Amino acid sequence: MSDLDLRKAILEELEFQPEINAANIGVSVDNGVVTLSGHVNTLAQKVSAERAVKSIKGVRALAEELEVRLNNNGGTGDDTIAQRALRIILWSSDVAEGDVKVTVQHGRVTLEGEVDWQYQKETVESSVRKLSGVTAVNNRLILRPRLDVFDIQERIEAALKRNAELHAHKIRVKVEGDVVTLEGRVHLWRERQIAERAAWSVPGVSKVEDHLMLA
């Protein structure tokens, strides 16, 4: 696919997504490397735009330069954002109260603390970034070390083989302690995300280094 065709496909996808206001989003493509510029009204729209671009075949990399500009009446005080963030974390995740500390400065939310699983870390961030007034989320949550870890590599490789969307034989898994490195080639950005999630699903993994290349 040429850069011109890829740019057209991206613009059409952004227009197609009902949760994205693409009027102020600019798209440029250079040899499959996509740059998003301009601005959107919420952090949720920014994340949705990024996800939409990554789902398109032919996108090799993404440089995301979108800004979040709140509507004139969309501003919310930092103290209010912090209170809402704590409430939505309790409502939308199974994280124990007090495990996550929230700091807000000029709409930028910082999450700190320890959780047991990667999905909890992702759920907390996803919930907070939907709040009105949030312009960015810095997720500093870490995973608690687990002592009952065994044969991480075998369990990750088995998870990759079970997924019908992956060509598991093209993905190499290396494990050093609790750090997992993924190497090899995949065809779509989505396959990279699936492989990462498979690695994170194994207890004891504290870090995943994704070195997968898009073929």
N, C-alpha and C. Protein backbone atom coordinates (compact mmCIF):
# COMPACT_ATOMS: atom_id res chain seq x y z
N MET A 1 0.84 -1.19 0.00
CA MET A 1 0.00 0.00 0.00
C MET A 1 0.88 1.25 0.00
N SER A 2 0.55 2.21 -0.87
CA SER A 2 1.32 3.45 -0.91
C SER A 2 1.00 4.32 0.29
N ASP A 3 1.88 5.29 0.55
CA ASP A 3 1.64 6.20 1.67
C ASP A 3 0.34 6.98 1.47
N LEU A 4 0.05 7.34 0.23
CA LEU A 4 -1.17 8.10 -0.05
C LEU A 4 -2.42 7.28 0.25
N ASP A 5 -2.39 6.01 -0.17
CA ASP A 5 -3.53 5.12 0.10
C ASP A 5 -3.68 4.86 1.60
N LEU A 6 -2.54 4.70 2.28
CA LEU A 6 -2.57 4.46 3.72
C LEU A 6 -3.15 5.67 4.45
N ARG A 7 -2.74 6.86 4.04
CA ARG A 7 -3.27 8.08 4.67
C ARG A 7 -4.79 8.17 4.48
N LYS A 8 -5.26 7.83 3.29
CA LYS A 8 -6.69 7.86 3.02
C LYS A 8 -7.43 6.86 3.90
N ALA A 9 -6.85 5.66 4.06
CA ALA A 9 -7.48 4.64 4.89
C ALA A 9 -7.56 5.09 6.35
N ILE A 10 -6.52 5.76 6.82
CA ILE A 10 -6.50 6.23 8.21
C ILE A 10 -7.55 7.30 8.43
N LEU A 11 -7.64 8.26 7.51
CA LEU A 11 -8.63 9.33 7.63
C LEU A 11 -10.04 8.76 7.64
N GLU A 12 -10.29 7.77 6.78
CA GLU A 12 -11.60 7.15 6.73
C GLU A 12 -11.92 6.42 8.03
N GLU A 13 -10.91 5.76 8.61
CA GLU A 13 -11.13 5.03 9.87
C GLU A 13 -11.41 6.01 11.02
N LEU A 14 -10.69 7.12 11.06
CA LEU A 14 -10.92 8.12 12.11
C LEU A 14 -12.31 8.72 12.00
N GLU A 15 -12.75 8.97 10.77
CA GLU A 15 -14.10 9.51 10.55
C GLU A 15 -15.16 8.48 10.91
N PHE A 16 -14.84 7.20 10.73
CA PHE A 16 -15.80 6.13 10.96
C PHE A 16 -16.07 5.91 12.44
N GLN A 17 -15.07 6.17 13.29
CA GLN A 17 -15.21 5.90 14.72
C GLN A 17 -16.09 6.96 15.38
N PRO A 18 -17.24 6.58 15.95
CA PRO A 18 -18.18 7.58 16.49
C PRO A 18 -17.65 8.33 17.71
N GLU A 19 -16.70 7.73 18.45
CA GLU A 19 -16.21 8.38 19.66
C GLU A 19 -15.10 9.39 19.39
N ILE A 20 -14.69 9.50 18.10
CA ILE A 20 -13.59 10.40 17.74
C ILE A 20 -14.10 11.57 16.92
N ASN A 21 -13.77 12.78 17.34
CA ASN A 21 -14.04 13.97 16.53
C ASN A 21 -12.77 14.27 15.75
N ALA A 22 -12.76 13.86 14.47
CA ALA A 22 -11.54 13.92 13.67
C ALA A 22 -11.34 15.26 12.97
N ALA A 23 -12.22 16.24 13.24
CA ALA A 23 -12.16 17.51 12.51
C ALA A 23 -10.83 18.22 12.65
N ASN A 24 -10.18 18.07 13.81
CA ASN A 24 -8.94 18.80 14.06
C ASN A 24 -7.73 17.88 14.16
N ILE A 25 -7.84 16.69 13.54
CA ILE A 25 -6.73 15.74 13.54
C ILE A 25 -6.06 15.74 12.17
N GLY A 26 -4.76 15.94 12.15
CA GLY A 26 -3.99 15.88 10.91
C GLY A 26 -3.24 14.57 10.81
N VAL A 27 -3.11 14.04 9.60
CA VAL A 27 -2.45 12.75 9.37
C VAL A 27 -1.40 12.91 8.28
N SER A 28 -0.18 12.49 8.56
CA SER A 28 0.86 12.43 7.54
C SER A 28 1.50 11.06 7.58
N VAL A 29 1.96 10.56 6.42
CA VAL A 29 2.53 9.22 6.33
C VAL A 29 3.83 9.29 5.53
N ASP A 30 4.87 8.67 6.06
CA ASP A 30 6.16 8.61 5.38
C ASP A 30 6.70 7.20 5.50
N ASN A 31 6.63 6.45 4.39
CA ASN A 31 7.12 5.07 4.36
C ASN A 31 6.49 4.22 5.46
N GLY A 32 5.19 4.38 5.65
CA GLY A 32 4.46 3.58 6.63
C GLY A 32 4.51 4.10 8.05
N VAL A 33 5.28 5.17 8.28
CA VAL A 33 5.35 5.79 9.60
C VAL A 33 4.32 6.91 9.65
N VAL A 34 3.36 6.80 10.55
CA VAL A 34 2.22 7.73 10.63
C VAL A 34 2.45 8.75 11.74
N THR A 35 2.17 10.00 11.43
CA THR A 35 2.21 11.07 12.42
C THR A 35 0.82 11.67 12.56
N LEU A 36 0.30 11.66 13.79
CA LEU A 36 -0.97 12.32 14.09
C LEU A 36 -0.67 13.66 14.74
N SER A 37 -1.27 14.71 14.23
CA SER A 37 -1.07 16.05 14.79
C SER A 37 -2.43 16.70 15.02
N GLY A 38 -2.41 17.91 15.60
CA GLY A 38 -3.66 18.62 15.87
C GLY A 38 -4.10 18.43 17.30
N HIS A 39 -5.43 18.48 17.53
CA HIS A 39 -5.92 18.35 18.90
C HIS A 39 -7.28 17.70 18.96
N VAL A 40 -7.60 17.15 20.14
CA VAL A 40 -8.91 16.55 20.43
C VAL A 40 -9.38 17.11 21.77
N ASN A 41 -10.65 16.83 22.10
CA ASN A 41 -11.25 17.44 23.30
C ASN A 41 -11.04 16.64 24.58
N THR A 42 -10.74 15.35 24.45
CA THR A 42 -10.58 14.52 25.65
C THR A 42 -9.42 13.55 25.46
N LEU A 43 -8.90 13.08 26.58
CA LEU A 43 -7.84 12.07 26.53
C LEU A 43 -8.37 10.78 25.94
N ALA A 44 -9.64 10.45 26.22
CA ALA A 44 -10.23 9.23 25.67
C ALA A 44 -10.23 9.25 24.15
N GLN A 45 -10.50 10.41 23.54
CA GLN A 45 -10.46 10.52 22.09
C GLN A 45 -9.04 10.33 21.56
N LYS A 46 -8.08 10.86 22.28
CA LYS A 46 -6.68 10.71 21.88
C LYS A 46 -6.27 9.24 21.86
N VAL A 47 -6.64 8.51 22.90
CA VAL A 47 -6.32 7.09 22.99
C VAL A 47 -7.05 6.30 21.90
N SER A 48 -8.31 6.65 21.64
CA SER A 48 -9.09 5.96 20.61
C SER A 48 -8.49 6.19 19.23
N ALA A 49 -8.02 7.41 18.96
CA ALA A 49 -7.40 7.70 17.67
C ALA A 49 -6.13 6.89 17.48
N GLU A 50 -5.34 6.80 18.52
CA GLU A 50 -4.11 6.01 18.46
C GLU A 50 -4.42 4.54 18.21
N ARG A 51 -5.43 4.02 18.92
CA ARG A 51 -5.81 2.62 18.75
C ARG A 51 -6.33 2.35 17.34
N ALA A 52 -7.10 3.29 16.80
CA ALA A 52 -7.66 3.11 15.46
C ALA A 52 -6.55 3.05 14.41
N VAL A 53 -5.55 3.91 14.55
CA VAL A 53 -4.45 3.92 13.58
C VAL A 53 -3.66 2.62 13.65
N LYS A 54 -3.39 2.15 14.85
CA LYS A 54 -2.60 0.94 15.02
C LYS A 54 -3.30 -0.30 14.45
N SER A 55 -4.62 -0.23 14.31
CA SER A 55 -5.37 -1.39 13.82
C SER A 55 -5.31 -1.53 12.30
N ILE A 56 -4.78 -0.53 11.61
CA ILE A 56 -4.81 -0.52 10.15
C ILE A 56 -3.57 -1.21 9.58
N LYS A 57 -3.78 -2.12 8.66
CA LYS A 57 -2.68 -2.84 8.03
C LYS A 57 -1.82 -1.88 7.21
N GLY A 58 -0.52 -2.00 7.36
CA GLY A 58 0.40 -1.13 6.62
C GLY A 58 1.06 -0.09 7.50
N VAL A 59 0.51 0.13 8.70
CA VAL A 59 1.11 1.09 9.63
C VAL A 59 2.31 0.43 10.29
N ARG A 60 3.50 0.98 10.07
CA ARG A 60 4.73 0.41 10.62
C ARG A 60 5.11 1.02 11.96
N ALA A 61 4.77 2.28 12.15
CA ALA A 61 5.07 2.97 13.41
C ALA A 61 4.16 4.19 13.52
N LEU A 62 4.03 4.69 14.75
CA LEU A 62 3.14 5.83 14.99
C LEU A 62 3.84 6.88 15.83
N ALA A 63 3.89 8.11 15.31
CA ALA A 63 4.36 9.26 16.08
C ALA A 63 3.12 10.06 16.44
N GLU A 64 2.81 10.10 17.71
CA GLU A 64 1.53 10.67 18.16
C GLU A 64 1.78 12.03 18.80
N GLU A 65 1.36 13.09 18.10
CA GLU A 65 1.60 14.45 18.56
C GLU A 65 0.30 15.20 18.85
N LEU A 66 -0.77 14.45 19.08
CA LEU A 66 -2.06 15.07 19.38
C LEU A 66 -2.05 15.73 20.76
N GLU A 67 -2.69 16.87 20.85
CA GLU A 67 -2.85 17.56 22.13
C GLU A 67 -4.29 17.39 22.62
N VAL A 68 -4.46 17.41 23.92
CA VAL A 68 -5.80 17.41 24.51
C VAL A 68 -6.13 18.84 24.90
N ARG A 69 -7.13 19.42 24.25
CA ARG A 69 -7.59 20.77 24.56
C ARG A 69 -9.03 20.69 25.03
N LEU A 70 -9.23 20.96 26.31
CA LEU A 70 -10.57 20.88 26.86
C LEU A 70 -11.46 21.98 26.30
N ASN A 71 -12.75 21.68 26.21
CA ASN A 71 -13.72 22.70 25.82
C ASN A 71 -13.73 23.82 26.85
N ASN A 72 -14.24 24.96 26.47
CA ASN A 72 -14.25 26.12 27.38
C ASN A 72 -14.91 25.80 28.72
N ASN A 73 -15.94 24.97 28.69
CA ASN A 73 -16.65 24.61 29.92
C ASN A 73 -16.26 23.22 30.42
N GLY A 74 -15.17 22.68 29.85
CA GLY A 74 -14.81 21.30 30.19
C GLY A 74 -13.77 21.18 31.28
N GLY A 75 -13.27 22.28 31.81
CA GLY A 75 -12.26 22.21 32.84
C GLY A 75 -12.82 21.73 34.16
N THR A 76 -12.03 20.99 34.90
CA THR A 76 -12.43 20.50 36.21
C THR A 76 -11.25 20.66 37.16
N GLY A 77 -11.51 21.09 38.40
CA GLY A 77 -10.45 21.30 39.36
C GLY A 77 -9.69 20.02 39.67
N ASP A 78 -8.39 20.17 39.98
CA ASP A 78 -7.56 19.01 40.26
C ASP A 78 -8.08 18.21 41.45
N ASP A 79 -8.60 18.90 42.48
CA ASP A 79 -9.10 18.19 43.65
C ASP A 79 -10.32 17.34 43.30
N THR A 80 -11.18 17.88 42.43
CA THR A 80 -12.35 17.12 41.99
C THR A 80 -11.95 15.92 41.16
N ILE A 81 -10.98 16.12 40.26
CA ILE A 81 -10.49 14.99 39.44
C ILE A 81 -9.93 13.90 40.33
N ALA A 82 -9.15 14.27 41.35
CA ALA A 82 -8.55 13.29 42.25
C ALA A 82 -9.62 12.47 42.97
N GLN A 83 -10.66 13.15 43.47
CA GLN A 83 -11.73 12.45 44.16
C GLN A 83 -12.47 11.49 43.23
N ARG A 84 -12.75 11.97 42.03
CA ARG A 84 -13.45 11.12 41.06
C ARG A 84 -12.58 9.93 40.66
N ALA A 85 -11.28 10.16 40.53
CA ALA A 85 -10.37 9.08 40.14
C ALA A 85 -10.37 7.97 41.20
N LEU A 86 -10.29 8.35 42.45
CA LEU A 86 -10.30 7.35 43.52
C LEU A 86 -11.60 6.55 43.52
N ARG A 87 -12.74 7.24 43.27
CA ARG A 87 -14.03 6.54 43.25
C ARG A 87 -14.13 5.58 42.08
N ILE A 88 -13.71 6.04 40.90
CA ILE A 88 -13.87 5.18 39.72
C ILE A 88 -12.92 3.99 39.77
N ILE A 89 -11.76 4.15 40.43
CA ILE A 89 -10.84 3.02 40.60
C ILE A 89 -11.50 1.93 41.44
N LEU A 90 -12.18 2.33 42.50
CA LEU A 90 -12.86 1.35 43.36
C LEU A 90 -14.04 0.70 42.65
N TRP A 91 -14.76 1.49 41.86
CA TRP A 91 -15.95 0.97 41.16
C TRP A 91 -15.60 0.03 40.02
N SER A 92 -14.54 0.34 39.28
CA SER A 92 -14.29 -0.34 38.01
C SER A 92 -13.20 -1.40 38.06
N SER A 93 -12.52 -1.54 39.18
CA SER A 93 -11.46 -2.54 39.27
C SER A 93 -11.56 -3.29 40.58
N ASP A 94 -10.82 -4.40 40.67
CA ASP A 94 -10.81 -5.18 41.91
C ASP A 94 -9.57 -4.88 42.75
N VAL A 95 -9.02 -3.69 42.57
CA VAL A 95 -7.87 -3.26 43.37
C VAL A 95 -8.35 -2.84 44.76
N ALA A 96 -7.63 -3.26 45.78
CA ALA A 96 -8.03 -2.93 47.15
C ALA A 96 -7.87 -1.44 47.41
N GLU A 97 -8.77 -0.90 48.22
CA GLU A 97 -8.70 0.51 48.57
C GLU A 97 -7.37 0.82 49.25
N GLY A 98 -6.72 1.88 48.78
CA GLY A 98 -5.44 2.27 49.34
C GLY A 98 -4.24 1.77 48.57
N ASP A 99 -4.44 0.82 47.65
CA ASP A 99 -3.31 0.29 46.88
C ASP A 99 -2.82 1.28 45.84
N VAL A 100 -3.71 2.15 45.38
CA VAL A 100 -3.36 3.12 44.33
C VAL A 100 -3.40 4.53 44.90
N LYS A 101 -2.32 5.25 44.74
CA LYS A 101 -2.24 6.65 45.15
C LYS A 101 -2.40 7.52 43.90
N VAL A 102 -3.23 8.56 44.01
CA VAL A 102 -3.53 9.44 42.88
C VAL A 102 -3.03 10.85 43.16
N THR A 103 -2.28 11.39 42.20
CA THR A 103 -1.83 12.79 42.27
C THR A 103 -2.28 13.49 40.99
N VAL A 104 -2.82 14.70 41.11
CA VAL A 104 -3.31 15.45 39.95
C VAL A 104 -2.70 16.84 39.95
N GLN A 105 -2.15 17.22 38.82
CA GLN A 105 -1.58 18.56 38.67
C GLN A 105 -1.92 19.07 37.27
N HIS A 106 -2.73 20.14 37.23
CA HIS A 106 -3.15 20.73 35.95
C HIS A 106 -3.78 19.69 35.02
N GLY A 107 -4.58 18.81 35.58
CA GLY A 107 -5.28 17.81 34.77
C GLY A 107 -4.47 16.57 34.47
N ARG A 108 -3.18 16.56 34.80
CA ARG A 108 -2.32 15.40 34.55
C ARG A 108 -2.36 14.49 35.79
N VAL A 109 -2.80 13.26 35.60
CA VAL A 109 -2.98 12.32 36.70
C VAL A 109 -1.79 11.37 36.78
N THR A 110 -1.22 11.21 37.96
CA THR A 110 -0.15 10.25 38.20
C THR A 110 -0.67 9.16 39.12
N LEU A 111 -0.50 7.91 38.71
CA LEU A 111 -0.94 6.75 39.48
C LEU A 111 0.29 6.04 40.04
N GLU A 112 0.29 5.81 41.34
CA GLU A 112 1.41 5.13 41.99
C GLU A 112 0.89 4.07 42.95
N GLY A 113 1.71 3.06 43.21
CA GLY A 113 1.32 1.99 44.12
C GLY A 113 1.65 0.63 43.53
N GLU A 114 1.12 -0.42 44.16
CA GLU A 114 1.37 -1.79 43.73
C GLU A 114 0.06 -2.53 43.50
N VAL A 115 0.02 -3.33 42.44
CA VAL A 115 -1.13 -4.19 42.17
C VAL A 115 -0.60 -5.59 41.88
N ASP A 116 -1.50 -6.56 41.82
CA ASP A 116 -1.08 -7.96 41.65
C ASP A 116 -0.93 -8.38 40.20
N TRP A 117 -1.72 -7.78 39.31
CA TRP A 117 -1.78 -8.25 37.93
C TRP A 117 -1.67 -7.09 36.95
N GLN A 118 -1.17 -7.38 35.74
CA GLN A 118 -1.07 -6.37 34.70
C GLN A 118 -2.44 -5.85 34.29
N TYR A 119 -3.45 -6.73 34.24
CA TYR A 119 -4.77 -6.27 33.81
C TYR A 119 -5.32 -5.23 34.78
N GLN A 120 -4.97 -5.33 36.08
CA GLN A 120 -5.42 -4.33 37.04
C GLN A 120 -4.77 -2.98 36.74
N LYS A 121 -3.50 -3.00 36.42
CA LYS A 121 -2.79 -1.77 36.05
C LYS A 121 -3.44 -1.11 34.85
N GLU A 122 -3.79 -1.91 33.84
CA GLU A 122 -4.41 -1.39 32.62
C GLU A 122 -5.83 -0.89 32.89
N THR A 123 -6.59 -1.62 33.71
CA THR A 123 -7.97 -1.23 34.01
C THR A 123 -8.03 0.09 34.76
N VAL A 124 -7.14 0.27 35.73
CA VAL A 124 -7.10 1.52 36.49
C VAL A 124 -6.81 2.69 35.56
N GLU A 125 -5.82 2.55 34.70
CA GLU A 125 -5.48 3.64 33.78
C GLU A 125 -6.63 3.93 32.82
N SER A 126 -7.22 2.88 32.27
CA SER A 126 -8.32 3.06 31.32
C SER A 126 -9.50 3.78 31.95
N SER A 127 -9.80 3.47 33.21
CA SER A 127 -10.92 4.10 33.90
C SER A 127 -10.66 5.58 34.15
N VAL A 128 -9.45 5.90 34.58
CA VAL A 128 -9.12 7.28 34.95
C VAL A 128 -9.07 8.19 33.73
N ARG A 129 -8.56 7.70 32.62
CA ARG A 129 -8.40 8.58 31.47
C ARG A 129 -9.73 8.97 30.82
N LYS A 130 -10.82 8.32 31.22
CA LYS A 130 -12.14 8.69 30.70
C LYS A 130 -12.77 9.85 31.46
N LEU A 131 -12.19 10.23 32.58
CA LEU A 131 -12.77 11.27 33.41
C LEU A 131 -12.66 12.64 32.76
N SER A 132 -13.69 13.45 32.92
CA SER A 132 -13.69 14.82 32.41
C SER A 132 -12.58 15.62 33.08
N GLY A 133 -11.83 16.38 32.30
CA GLY A 133 -10.78 17.24 32.83
C GLY A 133 -9.41 16.62 32.82
N VAL A 134 -9.32 15.30 32.59
CA VAL A 134 -8.02 14.62 32.56
C VAL A 134 -7.35 14.86 31.21
N THR A 135 -6.13 15.36 31.22
CA THR A 135 -5.41 15.63 29.97
C THR A 135 -4.30 14.62 29.70
N ALA A 136 -3.86 13.90 30.72
CA ALA A 136 -2.81 12.89 30.56
C ALA A 136 -2.80 11.99 31.78
N VAL A 137 -2.33 10.75 31.59
CA VAL A 137 -2.21 9.81 32.70
C VAL A 137 -0.80 9.23 32.70
N ASN A 138 -0.11 9.37 33.82
CA ASN A 138 1.22 8.78 34.01
C ASN A 138 1.06 7.58 34.92
N ASN A 139 1.13 6.39 34.34
CA ASN A 139 0.87 5.16 35.08
C ASN A 139 2.18 4.61 35.64
N ARG A 140 2.41 4.85 36.93
CA ARG A 140 3.61 4.35 37.59
C ARG A 140 3.33 3.15 38.48
N LEU A 141 2.18 2.54 38.31
CA LEU A 141 1.85 1.35 39.10
C LEU A 141 2.82 0.22 38.76
N ILE A 142 3.23 -0.52 39.78
CA ILE A 142 4.13 -1.65 39.57
C ILE A 142 3.45 -2.92 40.07
N LEU A 143 3.96 -4.06 39.61
CA LEU A 143 3.40 -5.34 40.00
C LEU A 143 4.14 -5.88 41.22
N ARG A 144 3.38 -6.39 42.17
CA ARG A 144 3.99 -7.01 43.34
C ARG A 144 4.74 -8.27 42.92
N PRO A 145 5.92 -8.49 43.45
CA PRO A 145 6.64 -9.73 43.12
C PRO A 145 5.90 -10.95 43.64
N ARG A 146 5.89 -12.00 42.86
CA ARG A 146 5.20 -13.24 43.26
C ARG A 146 6.26 -14.33 43.46
N LEU A 147 6.07 -15.11 44.50
CA LEU A 147 7.08 -16.09 44.88
C LEU A 147 6.82 -17.47 44.29
N ASP A 148 5.62 -17.69 43.73
CA ASP A 148 5.26 -19.02 43.25
C ASP A 148 5.40 -19.15 41.73
N VAL A 149 6.41 -18.48 41.17
CA VAL A 149 6.60 -18.49 39.72
C VAL A 149 7.42 -19.70 39.30
N PHE A 150 6.97 -20.41 38.25
CA PHE A 150 7.77 -21.51 37.71
C PHE A 150 7.52 -21.62 36.22
N ASP A 151 8.58 -21.88 35.53
CA ASP A 151 8.55 -22.13 34.09
C ASP A 151 7.74 -21.08 33.34
N ILE A 152 8.12 -19.82 33.50
CA ILE A 152 7.43 -18.71 32.84
C ILE A 152 7.46 -18.88 31.32
N GLN A 153 8.62 -19.20 30.78
CA GLN A 153 8.77 -19.30 29.33
C GLN A 153 7.82 -20.32 28.72
N GLU A 154 7.74 -21.49 29.33
CA GLU A 154 6.86 -22.54 28.80
C GLU A 154 5.40 -22.11 28.81
N ARG A 155 4.99 -21.41 29.87
CA ARG A 155 3.59 -20.99 29.98
C ARG A 155 3.27 -19.90 28.96
N ILE A 156 4.22 -18.99 28.71
CA ILE A 156 3.98 -17.95 27.70
C ILE A 156 3.90 -18.56 26.31
N GLU A 157 4.82 -19.46 25.99
CA GLU A 157 4.82 -20.11 24.67
C GLU A 157 3.52 -20.89 24.46
N ALA A 158 3.03 -21.53 25.51
CA ALA A 158 1.76 -22.27 25.39
C ALA A 158 0.61 -21.30 25.14
N ALA A 159 0.63 -20.14 25.80
CA ALA A 159 -0.43 -19.14 25.60
C ALA A 159 -0.41 -18.61 24.17
N LEU A 160 0.79 -18.39 23.62
CA LEU A 160 0.90 -17.92 22.24
C LEU A 160 0.34 -18.96 21.25
N LYS A 161 0.63 -20.21 21.49
CA LYS A 161 0.18 -21.27 20.59
C LYS A 161 -1.35 -21.43 20.63
N ARG A 162 -1.94 -21.13 21.78
CA ARG A 162 -3.41 -21.27 21.90
C ARG A 162 -4.16 -20.20 21.13
N ASN A 163 -3.51 -19.07 20.84
CA ASN A 163 -4.21 -17.96 20.19
C ASN A 163 -4.24 -18.16 18.68
N ALA A 164 -5.45 -18.22 18.13
CA ALA A 164 -5.62 -18.50 16.71
C ALA A 164 -5.14 -17.37 15.82
N GLU A 165 -5.01 -16.14 16.36
CA GLU A 165 -4.63 -15.00 15.55
C GLU A 165 -3.12 -14.87 15.38
N LEU A 166 -2.34 -15.69 16.07
CA LEU A 166 -0.89 -15.56 16.05
C LEU A 166 -0.23 -16.71 15.31
N HIS A 167 0.89 -16.42 14.64
CA HIS A 167 1.78 -17.44 14.11
C HIS A 167 2.88 -17.62 15.15
N ALA A 168 2.60 -18.46 16.13
CA ALA A 168 3.46 -18.55 17.31
C ALA A 168 4.87 -18.99 16.97
N HIS A 169 5.03 -19.75 15.88
CA HIS A 169 6.37 -20.25 15.53
C HIS A 169 7.31 -19.13 15.09
N LYS A 170 6.75 -17.95 14.79
CA LYS A 170 7.58 -16.81 14.38
C LYS A 170 7.95 -15.90 15.55
N ILE A 171 7.51 -16.26 16.74
CA ILE A 171 7.77 -15.44 17.93
C ILE A 171 8.68 -16.21 18.88
N ARG A 172 9.78 -15.58 19.28
CA ARG A 172 10.71 -16.18 20.23
C ARG A 172 10.55 -15.53 21.60
N VAL A 173 10.55 -16.35 22.61
CA VAL A 173 10.37 -15.87 23.99
C VAL A 173 11.66 -16.12 24.77
N LYS A 174 12.18 -15.05 25.38
CA LYS A 174 13.35 -15.18 26.25
C LYS A 174 12.98 -14.66 27.64
N VAL A 175 13.42 -15.37 28.66
CA VAL A 175 13.09 -14.99 30.03
C VAL A 175 14.37 -14.91 30.85
N GLU A 176 14.55 -13.78 31.49
CA GLU A 176 15.65 -13.60 32.45
C GLU A 176 15.05 -13.10 33.75
N GLY A 177 15.00 -13.98 34.75
CA GLY A 177 14.35 -13.63 36.00
C GLY A 177 12.87 -13.42 35.76
N ASP A 178 12.38 -12.21 36.03
CA ASP A 178 10.97 -11.91 35.81
C ASP A 178 10.77 -10.97 34.62
N VAL A 179 11.80 -10.85 33.77
CA VAL A 179 11.73 -10.00 32.58
C VAL A 179 11.61 -10.87 31.33
N VAL A 180 10.60 -10.60 30.51
CA VAL A 180 10.34 -11.37 29.29
C VAL A 180 10.66 -10.52 28.07
N THR A 181 11.38 -11.10 27.12
CA THR A 181 11.68 -10.42 25.85
C THR A 181 11.03 -11.19 24.71
N LEU A 182 10.27 -10.48 23.88
CA LEU A 182 9.63 -11.08 22.71
C LEU A 182 10.38 -10.64 21.47
N GLU A 183 10.77 -11.60 20.62
CA GLU A 183 11.49 -11.30 19.38
C GLU A 183 10.84 -12.06 18.24
N GLY A 184 11.12 -11.61 17.01
CA GLY A 184 10.57 -12.26 15.83
C GLY A 184 9.77 -11.29 14.98
N ARG A 185 8.85 -11.82 14.17
CA ARG A 185 8.08 -10.99 13.26
C ARG A 185 6.59 -11.31 13.34
N VAL A 186 5.78 -10.25 13.19
CA VAL A 186 4.32 -10.39 13.10
C VAL A 186 3.85 -9.54 11.92
N HIS A 187 2.60 -9.74 11.52
CA HIS A 187 2.08 -9.03 10.34
C HIS A 187 1.33 -7.76 10.71
N LEU A 188 0.69 -7.73 11.86
CA LEU A 188 -0.14 -6.59 12.25
C LEU A 188 0.24 -6.10 13.64
N TRP A 189 -0.02 -4.82 13.86
CA TRP A 189 0.23 -4.24 15.18
C TRP A 189 -0.59 -4.97 16.24
N ARG A 190 -1.81 -5.37 15.88
CA ARG A 190 -2.67 -6.08 16.83
C ARG A 190 -2.01 -7.37 17.31
N GLU A 191 -1.27 -8.05 16.43
CA GLU A 191 -0.59 -9.28 16.83
C GLU A 191 0.47 -9.01 17.89
N ARG A 192 1.13 -7.86 17.79
CA ARG A 192 2.11 -7.47 18.82
C ARG A 192 1.40 -7.31 20.17
N GLN A 193 0.24 -6.65 20.15
CA GLN A 193 -0.49 -6.43 21.39
C GLN A 193 -0.96 -7.75 22.00
N ILE A 194 -1.42 -8.68 21.15
CA ILE A 194 -1.88 -9.98 21.63
C ILE A 194 -0.72 -10.73 22.27
N ALA A 195 0.45 -10.69 21.62
CA ALA A 195 1.62 -11.38 22.16
C ALA A 195 2.04 -10.78 23.50
N GLU A 196 2.01 -9.46 23.60
CA GLU A 196 2.35 -8.79 24.86
C GLU A 196 1.40 -9.22 25.98
N ARG A 197 0.10 -9.23 25.67
CA ARG A 197 -0.89 -9.61 26.69
C ARG A 197 -0.68 -11.05 27.15
N ALA A 198 -0.30 -11.93 26.20
CA ALA A 198 -0.04 -13.32 26.57
C ALA A 198 1.12 -13.40 27.55
N ALA A 199 2.16 -12.59 27.31
CA ALA A 199 3.31 -12.59 28.22
C ALA A 199 2.93 -12.04 29.59
N TRP A 200 2.12 -10.97 29.59
CA TRP A 200 1.72 -10.36 30.87
C TRP A 200 0.78 -11.26 31.66
N SER A 201 0.12 -12.20 31.00
CA SER A 201 -0.88 -13.02 31.68
C SER A 201 -0.27 -14.05 32.62
N VAL A 202 1.03 -14.24 32.52
CA VAL A 202 1.69 -15.26 33.33
C VAL A 202 2.13 -14.66 34.68
N PRO A 203 1.76 -15.28 35.79
CA PRO A 203 2.15 -14.76 37.10
C PRO A 203 3.67 -14.67 37.23
N GLY A 204 4.14 -13.59 37.84
CA GLY A 204 5.56 -13.43 38.08
C GLY A 204 6.27 -12.53 37.10
N VAL A 205 5.63 -12.22 35.97
CA VAL A 205 6.24 -11.33 34.97
C VAL A 205 6.11 -9.89 35.44
N SER A 206 7.24 -9.19 35.55
CA SER A 206 7.21 -7.79 36.00
C SER A 206 7.51 -6.82 34.87
N LYS A 207 8.04 -7.34 33.73
CA LYS A 207 8.37 -6.46 32.61
C LYS A 207 8.36 -7.26 31.33
N VAL A 208 7.82 -6.67 30.27
CA VAL A 208 7.81 -7.29 28.94
C VAL A 208 8.48 -6.34 27.96
N GLU A 209 9.56 -6.78 27.34
CA GLU A 209 10.26 -5.99 26.33
C GLU A 209 9.86 -6.51 24.96
N ASP A 210 9.14 -5.69 24.21
CA ASP A 210 8.61 -6.10 22.90
C ASP A 210 9.56 -5.66 21.80
N HIS A 211 10.30 -6.63 21.25
CA HIS A 211 11.21 -6.37 20.13
C HIS A 211 10.67 -6.97 18.83
N LEU A 212 9.37 -7.26 18.80
CA LEU A 212 8.76 -7.83 17.61
C LEU A 212 8.76 -6.82 16.47
N MET A 213 9.04 -7.31 15.27
CA MET A 213 9.07 -6.45 14.08
C MET A 213 7.82 -6.71 13.23
N LEU A 214 7.33 -5.63 12.59
CA LEU A 214 6.21 -5.78 11.67
C LEU A 214 6.73 -6.17 10.30
N ALA A 215 6.29 -7.31 9.80
CA ALA A 215 6.77 -7.79 8.50
C ALA A 215 5.99 -7.14 7.37
